[in-house]
Amino acid sequence: MTDQPRPINEIEVAAINAKNMAEAAAAHPEEPQGTSVLPIAIGLGIGSAALAAALLYVNHARKKK
């Protein structure tokens, strides 16, 4: 056997980097930030409008027959 270290491939490098990043993230936890209500409200408004439009379209198509 030789005392030379074996070459490190890209998978091992990625694993080492991921481990280092996880350790760094654990050492410096961030404070949780509040969730913005605006995107949720916009999503509910758009969803409700789409549902209302679909119901109006279906009822309008039924009345024609």
C-alpha atoms as a PDB file:
ATOM      1  CA  MET A   1       0.000   0.000   0.000  1.00  0.00           C
ATOM      2  CA  THR A   2       1.029   3.528  -0.617  1.00  0.00           C
ATOM      3  CA  ASP A   3       0.825   6.394   1.822  1.00  0.00           C
ATOM      4  CA  GLN A   4      -0.500   8.754  -0.846  1.00  0.00           C
ATOM      5  CA  PRO A   5      -4.017  10.073  -0.308  1.00  0.00           C
ATOM      6  CA  ARG A   6      -6.535   8.974  -2.892  1.00  0.00           C
ATOM      7  CA  PRO A   7      -8.033  11.657  -5.160  1.00  0.00           C
ATOM      8  CA  ILE A   8     -11.364  13.139  -4.107  1.00  0.00           C
ATOM      9  CA  ASN A   9     -14.129  13.039  -6.710  1.00  0.00           C
ATOM     10  CA  GLU A  10     -16.881  15.621  -7.213  1.00  0.00           C
ATOM     11  CA  ILE A  11     -19.430  13.649  -5.183  1.00  0.00           C
ATOM     12  CA  GLU A  12     -17.184  13.643  -2.137  1.00  0.00           C
ATOM     13  CA  VAL A  13     -16.491  17.352  -2.613  1.00  0.00           C
ATOM     14  CA  ALA A  14     -20.241  18.062  -2.754  1.00  0.00           C
ATOM     15  CA  ALA A  15     -20.811  15.981   0.392  1.00  0.00           C
ATOM     16  CA  ILE A  16     -18.047  17.829   2.236  1.00  0.00           C
ATOM     17  CA  ASN A  17     -19.454  21.194   1.129  1.00  0.00           C
ATOM     18  CA  ALA A  18     -22.971  20.200   2.216  1.00  0.00           C
ATOM     19  CA  LYS A  19     -21.680  19.097   5.622  1.00  0.00           C
ATOM     20  CA  ASN A  20     -19.766  22.358   6.077  1.00  0.00           C
ATOM     21  CA  MET A  21     -22.805  24.420   5.058  1.00  0.00           C
ATOM     22  CA  ALA A  22     -25.055  22.496   7.472  1.00  0.00           C
ATOM     23  CA  GLU A  23     -22.591  23.023  10.325  1.00  0.00           C
ATOM     24  CA  ALA A  24     -22.320  26.735   9.523  1.00  0.00           C
ATOM     25  CA  ALA A  25     -26.105  27.090   9.371  1.00  0.00           C
ATOM     26  CA  ALA A  26     -26.504  25.308  12.700  1.00  0.00           C
ATOM     27  CA  ALA A  27     -23.926  27.581  14.291  1.00  0.00           C
ATOM     28  CA  HIS A  28     -25.779  30.745  13.217  1.00  0.00           C
ATOM     29  CA  PRO A  29     -29.535  30.182  13.496  1.00  0.00           C
ATOM     30  CA  GLU A  30     -31.658  32.927  11.984  1.00  0.00           C
ATOM     31  CA  GLU A  31     -34.669  34.350  13.697  1.00  0.00           C
ATOM     32  CA  PRO A  32     -37.892  33.292  11.997  1.00  0.00           C
ATOM     33  CA  GLN A  33     -39.481  36.062  10.000  1.00  0.00           C
ATOM     34  CA  GLY A  34     -43.203  36.694   9.969  1.00  0.00           C
ATOM     35  CA  THR A  35     -45.244  35.508   7.036  1.00  0.00           C
ATOM     36  CA  SER A  36     -46.745  38.267   4.949  1.00  0.00           C
ATOM     37  CA  VAL A  37     -50.526  38.121   4.788  1.00  0.00           C
ATOM     38  CA  LEU A  38     -50.756  40.031   1.504  1.00  0.00           C
ATOM     39  CA  PRO A  39     -49.866  37.135  -0.873  1.00  0.00           C
ATOM     40  CA  ILE A  40     -52.311  34.870   0.936  1.00  0.00           C
ATOM     41  CA  ALA A  41     -55.085  37.445   0.654  1.00  0.00           C
ATOM     42  CA  ILE A  42     -54.354  38.021  -3.022  1.00  0.00           C
ATOM     43  CA  GLY A  43     -54.428  34.276  -3.674  1.00  0.00           C
ATOM     44  CA  LEU A  44     -57.754  33.890  -1.905  1.00  0.00           C
ATOM     45  CA  GLY A  45     -59.227  36.802  -3.813  1.00  0.00           C
ATOM     46  CA  ILE A  46     -58.110  35.496  -7.199  1.00  0.00           C
ATOM     47  CA  GLY A  47     -59.287  31.973  -6.361  1.00  0.00           C
ATOM     48  CA  SER A  48     -62.667  33.211  -5.230  1.00  0.00           C
ATOM     49  CA  ALA A  49     -63.088  35.333  -8.356  1.00  0.00           C
ATOM     50  CA  ALA A  50     -62.175  32.389 -10.580  1.00  0.00           C
ATOM     51  CA  LEU A  51     -64.653  30.138  -8.800  1.00  0.00           C
ATOM     52  CA  ALA A  52     -67.417  32.729  -9.076  1.00  0.00           C
ATOM     53  CA  ALA A  53     -66.702  33.235 -12.776  1.00  0.00           C
ATOM     54  CA  ALA A  54     -66.793  29.484 -13.393  1.00  0.00           C
ATOM     55  CA  LEU A  55     -70.136  29.145 -11.604  1.00  0.00           C
ATOM     56  CA  LEU A  56     -71.615  32.070 -13.549  1.00  0.00           C
ATOM     57  CA  TYR A  57     -70.415  30.543 -16.816  1.00  0.00           C
ATOM     58  CA  VAL A  58     -71.906  27.148 -15.998  1.00  0.00           C
ATOM     59  CA  ASN A  59     -75.243  28.639 -14.958  1.00  0.00           C
ATOM     60  CA  HIS A  60     -75.347  30.826 -18.072  1.00  0.00           C
ATOM     61  CA  ALA A  61     -74.733  27.823 -20.328  1.00  0.00           C
ATOM     62  CA  ARG A  62     -77.559  25.881 -18.640  1.00  0.00           C
ATOM     63  CA  LYS A  63     -80.115  28.677 -19.121  1.00  0.00           C
ATOM     64  CA  LYS A  64     -79.538  28.821 -22.898  1.00  0.00           C
ATOM     65  CA  LYS A  65     -80.821  25.287 -23.488  1.00  0.00           C
END
